[in-house]
């Protein structure tokens, strides 16, 4: 089942300010190439998520993209509602999954879920207002006894540039070419993806968040860190503040 949220208010191809992308196929409002995200490995994220939440939990996945995490979670018995602002991304999600097209920061389904998930480093949105909107959406949709899972960047992510990594399980390479300060606390990050049959790029705004600032942003939205789930502290489980 697919839902067009009444407050989507954005065409599928309209770029967010400061975001862009190049390469064949559809490019989303935040500069992601749909074809690239269809190829990127999911890594151990489904294992991290499964170990942190109750079996069979209802999950609201914010920023699901093409379903890289959605499909493994559904296969493991979770009831996933998948949200993205890109119609082209959602078209890659299985027909059996409930999908909602909407900008995350404006989403209000009038429902609560056992788990709300904000992955793909979305919490590092360059615009502080957007970031708080994302976290408030998490708080608005999480059950009183539920949890919010957030994936954040490594503390030195913006300092270790340029860097290159092979994409596990594929014949592709990802390069973080640059992270250029904008003077307002955010950086303009440029990433390139290269495969034998094509090249793509994404330019986006990202705001580094140290632990204190990250936890402060959660608190402003009515959330508190329960524990860090991974040794590198990139996956976090938070609870609503009552």
Protein backbone atom coordinates (compact mmCIF):
# COMPACT_ATOMS: atom_id res chain seq x y z
CA UNK A 1 0.00 0.00 0.00
CA UNK A 2 1.36 3.40 -0.98
CA UNK A 3 0.30 6.69 0.62
CA UNK A 4 0.92 10.21 -0.65
CA UNK A 5 1.10 12.30 2.49
CA UNK A 6 -1.15 15.38 2.16
CA UNK A 7 1.68 17.68 3.26
CA UNK A 8 4.35 16.35 0.90
CA UNK A 9 4.45 19.79 -0.76
CA UNK A 10 7.41 19.00 -2.96
CA UNK A 11 7.79 17.64 -6.47
CA UNK A 12 9.82 14.46 -6.84
CA UNK A 13 12.71 16.21 -8.59
CA UNK A 14 12.80 19.55 -6.78
CA UNK A 15 16.25 19.98 -5.19
CA UNK A 16 16.73 21.03 -1.62
CA UNK A 17 18.89 24.14 -1.29
CA UNK A 18 22.57 23.17 -1.17
CA UNK A 19 21.98 19.64 -2.46
CA UNK A 20 22.66 18.25 -5.93
CA UNK A 21 23.64 15.11 -7.81
CA UNK A 22 24.83 13.95 -11.21
CA UNK A 23 24.67 10.75 -13.22
CA UNK A 24 22.22 8.60 -15.11
CA UNK A 25 18.70 8.09 -13.82
CA UNK A 26 16.59 9.89 -11.25
CA UNK A 27 18.22 12.23 -8.71
CA UNK A 28 16.29 12.84 -5.48
CA UNK A 29 15.66 16.22 -3.78
CA UNK A 30 18.72 15.68 -1.54
CA UNK A 31 20.98 14.76 -4.47
CA UNK A 32 20.94 10.96 -4.17
CA UNK A 33 21.12 8.93 -7.37
CA UNK A 34 18.45 6.23 -7.21
CA UNK A 35 20.58 3.87 -9.30
CA UNK A 36 23.52 4.18 -6.90
CA UNK A 37 21.42 3.52 -3.81
CA UNK A 38 20.01 0.44 -5.54
CA UNK A 39 23.58 -0.88 -5.68
CA UNK A 40 24.98 0.14 -2.27
CA UNK A 41 25.49 -2.68 0.25
CA UNK A 42 23.41 -2.63 3.43
CA UNK A 43 26.25 -3.95 5.60
CA UNK A 44 25.49 -5.05 9.16
CA UNK A 45 22.70 -2.50 9.77
CA UNK A 46 19.87 -5.09 9.80
CA UNK A 47 21.80 -7.11 12.42
CA UNK A 48 22.30 -4.03 14.61
CA UNK A 49 18.63 -3.13 14.35
CA UNK A 50 17.36 -6.65 14.98
CA UNK A 51 19.50 -6.99 18.12
CA UNK A 52 18.19 -3.70 19.55
CA UNK A 53 14.41 -4.09 19.20
CA UNK A 54 11.71 -6.65 20.07
CA UNK A 55 10.99 -9.43 17.57
CA UNK A 56 8.14 -8.57 15.20
CA UNK A 57 8.11 -4.89 16.23
CA UNK A 58 6.35 -2.28 14.16
CA UNK A 59 8.99 -0.02 12.59
CA UNK A 60 8.57 3.42 11.04
CA UNK A 61 11.57 3.77 8.73
CA UNK A 62 12.25 7.42 7.92
CA UNK A 63 14.23 7.91 4.72
CA UNK A 64 13.92 4.34 3.44
CA UNK A 65 15.31 5.06 -0.03
CA UNK A 66 15.10 2.01 -2.30
CA UNK A 67 14.51 -0.37 0.61
CA UNK A 68 18.10 -1.42 1.38
CA UNK A 69 17.21 -1.84 5.07
CA UNK A 70 13.46 -2.21 4.56
CA UNK A 71 13.59 -5.52 2.74
CA UNK A 72 15.94 -7.34 5.16
CA UNK A 73 13.85 -6.14 8.10
CA UNK A 74 10.60 -7.31 6.50
CA UNK A 75 12.24 -10.65 5.75
CA UNK A 76 13.09 -10.91 9.47
CA UNK A 77 9.45 -10.51 10.48
CA UNK A 78 9.21 -6.79 11.25
CA UNK A 79 6.17 -4.74 10.18
CA UNK A 80 7.79 -1.81 8.37
CA UNK A 81 6.18 1.42 7.21
CA UNK A 82 8.67 2.99 4.81
CA UNK A 83 8.82 6.77 4.31
CA UNK A 84 10.71 8.75 1.69
CA UNK A 85 10.22 12.05 -0.15
CA UNK A 86 11.26 10.56 -3.50
CA UNK A 87 8.67 8.73 -5.59
CA UNK A 88 11.48 7.19 -7.63
CA UNK A 89 13.07 5.73 -4.49
CA UNK A 90 9.76 4.35 -3.24
CA UNK A 91 9.12 2.72 -6.62
CA UNK A 92 12.01 0.33 -5.80
CA UNK A 93 10.39 -0.81 -2.53
CA UNK A 94 8.42 -4.06 -2.70
CA UNK A 95 4.70 -3.73 -3.40
CA UNK A 96 3.90 -5.65 -0.20
CA UNK A 97 5.46 -2.93 1.99
CA UNK A 98 3.39 0.01 3.17
CA UNK A 99 5.06 3.17 1.82
CA UNK A 100 4.46 6.86 2.45
CA UNK A 101 5.80 9.68 0.29
CA UNK A 102 6.53 12.76 2.38
CA UNK A 103 9.40 14.96 3.57
CA UNK A 104 10.28 13.46 6.95
CA UNK A 105 10.22 16.74 8.87
CA UNK A 106 6.58 17.34 7.87
CA UNK A 107 5.27 13.83 8.47
CA UNK A 108 2.37 13.26 10.86
CA UNK A 109 0.62 9.92 10.39
CA UNK A 110 -1.36 10.12 13.62
CA UNK A 111 0.10 6.74 14.61
CA UNK A 112 2.65 5.40 17.08
CA UNK A 113 5.22 2.69 16.40
CA UNK A 114 7.32 0.37 18.55
CA UNK A 115 10.41 1.62 16.74
CA UNK A 116 11.15 4.76 14.75
CA UNK A 117 14.32 4.63 12.69
CA UNK A 118 16.31 7.59 11.36
CA UNK A 119 19.29 6.08 9.53
CA UNK A 120 21.59 7.12 6.65
CA UNK A 121 23.09 9.96 8.75
CA UNK A 122 19.98 12.10 8.17
CA UNK A 123 20.34 13.56 11.67
CA UNK A 124 23.30 15.55 10.31
CA UNK A 125 21.06 17.76 8.14
CA UNK A 126 22.83 21.04 7.41
CA UNK A 127 19.78 23.10 8.37
CA UNK A 128 19.27 22.99 12.17
CA UNK A 129 15.53 23.59 11.74
CA UNK A 130 15.27 20.57 9.46
CA UNK A 131 17.29 18.46 11.89
CA UNK A 132 14.98 19.33 14.76
CA UNK A 133 11.99 18.63 12.52
CA UNK A 134 13.36 15.15 11.82
CA UNK A 135 13.84 14.41 15.52
CA UNK A 136 10.42 15.82 16.42
CA UNK A 137 8.89 13.50 13.81
CA UNK A 138 10.65 10.62 15.57
CA UNK A 139 9.25 11.69 18.95
CA UNK A 140 5.77 12.25 17.53
CA UNK A 141 5.55 8.73 16.14
CA UNK A 142 7.26 6.60 18.80
CA UNK A 143 5.13 4.68 21.30
CA UNK A 144 5.49 5.65 24.96
CA UNK A 145 7.36 2.40 25.64
CA UNK A 146 9.08 2.35 22.24
CA UNK A 147 12.49 3.44 21.03
CA UNK A 148 14.12 5.56 18.36
CA UNK A 149 17.16 4.26 16.47
CA UNK A 150 19.46 6.91 15.03
CA UNK A 151 22.50 6.39 12.82
CA UNK A 152 25.08 9.13 13.19
CA UNK A 153 28.42 9.88 11.53
CA UNK A 154 31.76 9.01 13.05
CA UNK A 155 33.19 11.89 15.09
CA UNK A 156 36.04 12.51 12.60
CA UNK A 157 34.03 11.88 9.41
CA UNK A 158 34.49 15.43 8.06
CA UNK A 159 38.20 15.53 8.87
CA UNK A 160 39.29 12.33 7.12
CA UNK A 161 39.02 13.62 3.55
CA UNK A 162 39.64 12.72 0.85
CA UNK A 163 39.09 9.01 1.39
CA UNK A 164 38.05 6.07 -0.74
CA UNK A 165 36.40 2.75 0.02
CA UNK A 166 35.39 -0.26 -2.03
CA UNK A 167 31.68 -1.05 -1.82
CA UNK A 168 31.46 -4.55 -0.37
CA UNK A 169 29.76 -7.07 -2.61
CA UNK A 170 29.89 -4.78 -5.63
CA UNK A 171 32.41 -3.68 -8.25
CA UNK A 172 32.05 -0.05 -7.19
CA UNK A 173 34.10 2.52 -5.29
CA UNK A 174 32.90 5.44 -3.14
CA UNK A 175 35.05 8.53 -2.66
CA UNK A 176 34.42 11.30 -0.15
CA UNK A 177 36.21 13.99 -2.09
CA UNK A 178 35.79 17.02 0.16
CA UNK A 179 34.02 18.53 3.17
CA UNK A 180 34.13 22.30 2.85
CA UNK A 181 33.05 24.50 5.83
CA UNK A 182 30.24 26.95 5.07
CA UNK A 183 30.91 29.21 8.05
CA UNK A 184 27.65 28.36 9.80
CA UNK A 185 28.71 25.06 11.36
CA UNK A 186 27.74 22.97 8.35
CA UNK A 187 29.93 21.55 5.60
CA UNK A 188 29.31 21.04 1.90
CA UNK A 189 30.28 17.43 1.27
CA UNK A 190 31.03 16.06 -2.20
CA UNK A 191 30.93 12.29 -2.79
CA UNK A 192 31.60 10.35 -5.97
CA UNK A 193 30.58 6.80 -6.87
CA UNK A 194 32.30 4.90 -9.65
CA UNK A 195 31.22 1.60 -11.22
CA UNK A 196 32.44 0.00 -14.45
CA UNK A 197 29.26 1.11 -16.23
CA UNK A 198 28.82 4.61 -14.81
CA UNK A 199 29.76 7.44 -12.48
CA UNK A 200 27.57 9.43 -10.13
CA UNK A 201 28.09 12.22 -7.60
CA UNK A 202 26.24 13.78 -4.71
CA UNK A 203 26.76 17.17 -3.07
CA UNK A 204 24.99 17.75 0.23
CA UNK A 205 25.05 19.76 3.45
CA UNK A 206 26.09 17.99 6.63
CA UNK A 207 26.50 19.36 10.15
CA UNK A 208 29.08 17.62 12.37
CA UNK A 209 27.62 16.65 15.75
CA UNK A 210 29.81 15.81 18.72
CA UNK A 211 28.29 13.66 21.45
CA UNK A 212 27.22 16.61 23.61
CA UNK A 213 25.59 18.49 20.73
CA UNK A 214 23.93 15.32 19.44
CA UNK A 215 22.45 14.45 22.81
CA UNK A 216 21.35 18.06 23.26
CA UNK A 217 19.48 17.96 19.94
CA UNK A 218 17.73 14.77 21.04
CA UNK A 219 16.74 16.38 24.35
CA UNK A 220 15.24 19.38 22.55
CA UNK A 221 12.97 16.96 20.69
CA UNK A 222 11.96 15.08 23.84
CA UNK A 223 14.34 12.13 23.45
CA UNK A 224 17.20 10.80 25.53
CA UNK A 225 20.00 8.37 24.72
CA UNK A 226 19.46 4.97 26.32
CA UNK A 227 22.66 3.46 24.95
CA UNK A 228 25.07 3.44 22.04
CA UNK A 229 24.65 0.20 20.14
CA UNK A 230 27.98 -0.06 18.34
CA UNK A 231 31.56 0.36 19.42
CA UNK A 232 32.03 3.35 17.10
CA UNK A 233 28.88 4.95 18.62
CA UNK A 234 27.31 5.47 15.19
CA UNK A 235 24.11 3.59 16.07
CA UNK A 236 22.13 4.90 19.02
CA UNK A 237 18.98 3.78 20.81
CA UNK A 238 16.98 6.61 22.33
CA UNK A 239 13.79 6.68 24.42
CA UNK A 240 11.07 9.29 24.69
CA UNK A 241 11.27 11.59 27.70
CA UNK A 242 8.06 11.46 29.74
